[in-house]
Amino acid sequence: QVQLVESGGRLVQAGGSLRLSCAASGRTFSSYALGWFRQAPGKEREFVAVVSRNGYMTYYADSVKGRFTISRDNAKNTVYLTMNSLKPEDTAVYYCAATPSVSTKFDEYIYWGQGTQVTVSS
């Protein structure tokens, strides 16, 4: 099993940057691809980014390409989402999730964190 806890969410001004962290507990962290999703009020949960088990492959939603970077440190059992050039539309609860293989589909992720709120002011 994998337990995930996100942190780092806060209020930030548009154009600013923020790094989210997701700390995992358990013995199987390296067996999973790790993804980030987000959900804004009144919106469906949407894919943001995912990194493969070994960290070599990454995929991003078109809306965040060039601005967000996902990375992982298996030695620390942590996955990160570095967000730059933040926009008000990035405001959402951000969730860390684990999947057996790289996917952009939320229903293929089997472990989820509780989420961390990111608010971008205009």
C-alpha atoms as a PDB file:
ATOM      1  CA  GLN A   1       0.000   0.000   0.000  1.00  0.00           C
ATOM      2  CA  VAL A   2       0.942   3.626  -0.463  1.00  0.00           C
ATOM      3  CA  GLN A   3      -0.220   6.530   1.660  1.00  0.00           C
ATOM      4  CA  LEU A   4       0.208  10.006   0.229  1.00  0.00           C
ATOM      5  CA  VAL A   5       0.207  13.386   1.949  1.00  0.00           C
ATOM      6  CA  GLU A   6       0.409  16.619  -0.026  1.00  0.00           C
ATOM      7  CA  SER A   7       1.806  19.869   1.292  1.00  0.00           C
ATOM      8  CA  GLY A   8       2.922  23.264   0.072  1.00  0.00           C
ATOM      9  CA  GLY A   9      -0.336  24.728  -1.127  1.00  0.00           C
ATOM     10  CA  ARG A  10      -0.949  28.379  -0.289  1.00  0.00           C
ATOM     11  CA  LEU A  11      -2.036  31.729  -1.629  1.00  0.00           C
ATOM     12  CA  VAL A  12       0.275  33.109  -4.291  1.00  0.00           C
ATOM     13  CA  GLN A  13       0.071  36.043  -6.681  1.00  0.00           C
ATOM     14  CA  ALA A  14      -0.358  35.535 -10.399  1.00  0.00           C
ATOM     15  CA  GLY A  15       3.009  35.099 -12.052  1.00  0.00           C
ATOM     16  CA  GLY A  16       4.484  33.631  -8.922  1.00  0.00           C
ATOM     17  CA  SER A  17       5.791  30.173  -8.258  1.00  0.00           C
ATOM     18  CA  LEU A  18       5.106  27.396  -5.823  1.00  0.00           C
ATOM     19  CA  ARG A  19       6.355  23.899  -5.156  1.00  0.00           C
ATOM     20  CA  LEU A  20       4.040  21.202  -3.954  1.00  0.00           C
ATOM     21  CA  SER A  21       5.325  18.097  -2.242  1.00  0.00           C
ATOM     22  CA  CYS A  22       3.769  14.706  -1.801  1.00  0.00           C
ATOM     23  CA  ALA A  23       5.287  12.490   0.846  1.00  0.00           C
ATOM     24  CA  ALA A  24       4.603   8.788   0.683  1.00  0.00           C
ATOM     25  CA  SER A  25       4.687   6.102   3.297  1.00  0.00           C
ATOM     26  CA  GLY A  26       4.956   2.421   2.627  1.00  0.00           C
ATOM     27  CA  ARG A  27       7.408   0.128   0.921  1.00  0.00           C
ATOM     28  CA  THR A  28       6.151   0.280  -2.643  1.00  0.00           C
ATOM     29  CA  PHE A  29       6.696   3.909  -3.614  1.00  0.00           C
ATOM     30  CA  SER A  30       9.077   3.095  -6.467  1.00  0.00           C
ATOM     31  CA  SER A  31       6.603   0.594  -7.923  1.00  0.00           C
ATOM     32  CA  TYR A  32       4.187   3.344  -8.928  1.00  0.00           C
ATOM     33  CA  ALA A  33       4.029   6.161 -11.370  1.00  0.00           C
ATOM     34  CA  LEU A  34       3.046   9.335  -9.531  1.00  0.00           C
ATOM     35  CA  GLY A  35       0.648  11.910 -10.845  1.00  0.00           C
ATOM     36  CA  TRP A  36      -0.853  15.231  -9.913  1.00  0.00           C
ATOM     37  CA  PHE A  37      -4.476  16.124 -10.476  1.00  0.00           C
ATOM     38  CA  ARG A  38      -6.412  19.216  -9.584  1.00  0.00           C
ATOM     39  CA  GLN A  39     -10.011  20.125  -9.000  1.00  0.00           C
ATOM     40  CA  ALA A  40     -11.462  23.603  -8.932  1.00  0.00           C
ATOM     41  CA  PRO A  41     -14.894  24.432  -7.488  1.00  0.00           C
ATOM     42  CA  GLY A  42     -17.609  23.351  -9.891  1.00  0.00           C
ATOM     43  CA  LYS A  43     -15.101  21.619 -12.143  1.00  0.00           C
ATOM     44  CA  GLU A  44     -14.234  18.006 -12.777  1.00  0.00           C
ATOM     45  CA  ARG A  45     -10.962  16.642 -11.557  1.00  0.00           C
ATOM     46  CA  GLU A  46      -8.358  17.096 -14.250  1.00  0.00           C
ATOM     47  CA  PHE A  47      -4.994  15.593 -14.986  1.00  0.00           C
ATOM     48  CA  VAL A  48      -1.987  17.840 -14.452  1.00  0.00           C
ATOM     49  CA  ALA A  49       1.183  15.775 -14.707  1.00  0.00           C
ATOM     50  CA  VAL A  50       2.642  12.325 -14.160  1.00  0.00           C
ATOM     51  CA  VAL A  51       6.127  10.905 -13.757  1.00  0.00           C
ATOM     52  CA  SER A  52       7.130   7.309 -14.400  1.00  0.00           C
ATOM     53  CA  ARG A  53       8.432   4.936 -11.780  1.00  0.00           C
ATOM     54  CA  ASN A  54      12.067   5.635 -12.580  1.00  0.00           C
ATOM     55  CA  GLY A  55      11.554   9.337 -13.167  1.00  0.00           C
ATOM     56  CA  TYR A  56      12.638   9.283 -16.806  1.00  0.00           C
ATOM     57  CA  MET A  57       9.274   9.903 -18.444  1.00  0.00           C
ATOM     58  CA  THR A  58       6.916  12.762 -17.762  1.00  0.00           C
ATOM     59  CA  TYR A  59       3.643  13.920 -19.285  1.00  0.00           C
ATOM     60  CA  TYR A  60       1.798  17.169 -18.795  1.00  0.00           C
ATOM     61  CA  ALA A  61      -1.590  18.590 -19.498  1.00  0.00           C
ATOM     62  CA  ASP A  62      -1.496  21.156 -22.291  1.00  0.00           C
ATOM     63  CA  SER A  63      -2.637  23.834 -19.877  1.00  0.00           C
ATOM     64  CA  VAL A  64       0.501  23.518 -17.756  1.00  0.00           C
ATOM     65  CA  LYS A  65       3.196  22.599 -20.269  1.00  0.00           C
ATOM     66  CA  GLY A  66       6.179  24.870 -19.989  1.00  0.00           C
ATOM     67  CA  ARG A  67       5.075  26.139 -16.593  1.00  0.00           C
ATOM     68  CA  PHE A  68       4.893  23.093 -14.334  1.00  0.00           C
ATOM     69  CA  THR A  69       7.521  20.449 -13.689  1.00  0.00           C
ATOM     70  CA  ILE A  70       6.958  17.116 -12.007  1.00  0.00           C
ATOM     71  CA  SER A  71       9.816  15.235 -10.409  1.00  0.00           C
ATOM     72  CA  ARG A  72      10.374  12.506  -7.882  1.00  0.00           C
ATOM     73  CA  ASP A  73      12.976  11.469  -5.381  1.00  0.00           C
ATOM     74  CA  ASN A  74      12.503   7.798  -4.643  1.00  0.00           C
ATOM     75  CA  ALA A  75      15.138   7.874  -1.915  1.00  0.00           C
ATOM     76  CA  LYS A  76      12.969  10.381  -0.059  1.00  0.00           C
ATOM     77  CA  ASN A  77       9.664   8.811  -1.099  1.00  0.00           C
ATOM     78  CA  THR A  78       8.558  12.182  -2.385  1.00  0.00           C
ATOM     79  CA  VAL A  79       7.114  13.562  -5.597  1.00  0.00           C
ATOM     80  CA  TYR A  80       7.106  17.265  -6.384  1.00  0.00           C
ATOM     81  CA  LEU A  81       5.187  19.631  -8.582  1.00  0.00           C
ATOM     82  CA  THR A  82       7.032  22.849  -9.285  1.00  0.00           C
ATOM     83  CA  MET A  83       4.680  25.495 -10.603  1.00  0.00           C
ATOM     84  CA  ASN A  84       5.870  28.664 -12.288  1.00  0.00           C
ATOM     85  CA  SER A  85       4.061  31.546 -13.957  1.00  0.00           C
ATOM     86  CA  LEU A  86       0.939  30.742 -12.020  1.00  0.00           C
ATOM     87  CA  LYS A  87      -2.391  31.947 -13.309  1.00  0.00           C
ATOM     88  CA  PRO A  88      -5.697  32.478 -11.493  1.00  0.00           C
ATOM     89  CA  GLU A  89      -7.114  29.519 -13.414  1.00  0.00           C
ATOM     90  CA  ASP A  90      -4.561  27.309 -11.677  1.00  0.00           C
ATOM     91  CA  THR A  91      -6.516  27.793  -8.469  1.00  0.00           C
ATOM     92  CA  ALA A  92      -7.652  24.373  -7.289  1.00  0.00           C
ATOM     93  CA  VAL A  93      -7.147  21.621  -4.795  1.00  0.00           C
ATOM     94  CA  TYR A  94      -4.148  19.644  -5.969  1.00  0.00           C
ATOM     95  CA  TYR A  95      -4.021  15.914  -5.390  1.00  0.00           C
ATOM     96  CA  CYS A  96      -1.134  13.508  -5.533  1.00  0.00           C
ATOM     97  CA  ALA A  97      -1.962  10.017  -6.752  1.00  0.00           C
ATOM     98  CA  ALA A  98      -0.278   6.724  -7.561  1.00  0.00           C
ATOM     99  CA  THR A  99      -0.865   4.374 -10.468  1.00  0.00           C
ATOM    100  CA  PRO A 100       0.794   1.096 -11.531  1.00  0.00           C
ATOM    101  CA  SER A 101       1.793   2.659 -14.847  1.00  0.00           C
ATOM    102  CA  VAL A 102       1.849   6.080 -16.460  1.00  0.00           C
ATOM    103  CA  SER A 103      -1.646   7.326 -17.162  1.00  0.00           C
ATOM    104  CA  THR A 104      -3.607  10.536 -17.578  1.00  0.00           C
ATOM    105  CA  LYS A 105      -6.862   8.890 -16.501  1.00  0.00           C
ATOM    106  CA  PHE A 106      -7.899   9.490 -12.928  1.00  0.00           C
ATOM    107  CA  ASP A 107      -9.748   6.182 -12.669  1.00  0.00           C
ATOM    108  CA  GLU A 108      -6.482   4.310 -13.213  1.00  0.00           C
ATOM    109  CA  TYR A 109      -4.972   5.770 -10.057  1.00  0.00           C
ATOM    110  CA  ILE A 110      -5.467   3.633  -6.994  1.00  0.00           C
ATOM    111  CA  TYR A 111      -3.988   5.722  -4.184  1.00  0.00           C
ATOM    112  CA  TRP A 112      -4.801   9.344  -3.455  1.00  0.00           C
ATOM    113  CA  GLY A 113      -3.732  12.008  -1.026  1.00  0.00           C
ATOM    114  CA  GLN A 114      -6.090  14.396   0.729  1.00  0.00           C
ATOM    115  CA  GLY A 115      -5.172  17.365  -1.416  1.00  0.00           C
ATOM    116  CA  THR A 116      -3.631  20.761  -0.834  1.00  0.00           C
ATOM    117  CA  GLN A 117      -5.223  24.084  -1.735  1.00  0.00           C
ATOM    118  CA  VAL A 118      -3.509  26.375  -4.204  1.00  0.00           C
ATOM    119  CA  THR A 119      -5.005  29.811  -4.660  1.00  0.00           C
ATOM    120  CA  VAL A 120      -3.634  32.208  -7.258  1.00  0.00           C
ATOM    121  CA  SER A 121      -4.717  35.812  -6.900  1.00  0.00           C
ATOM    122  CA  SER A 122      -5.014  38.170  -9.840  1.00  0.00           C
END
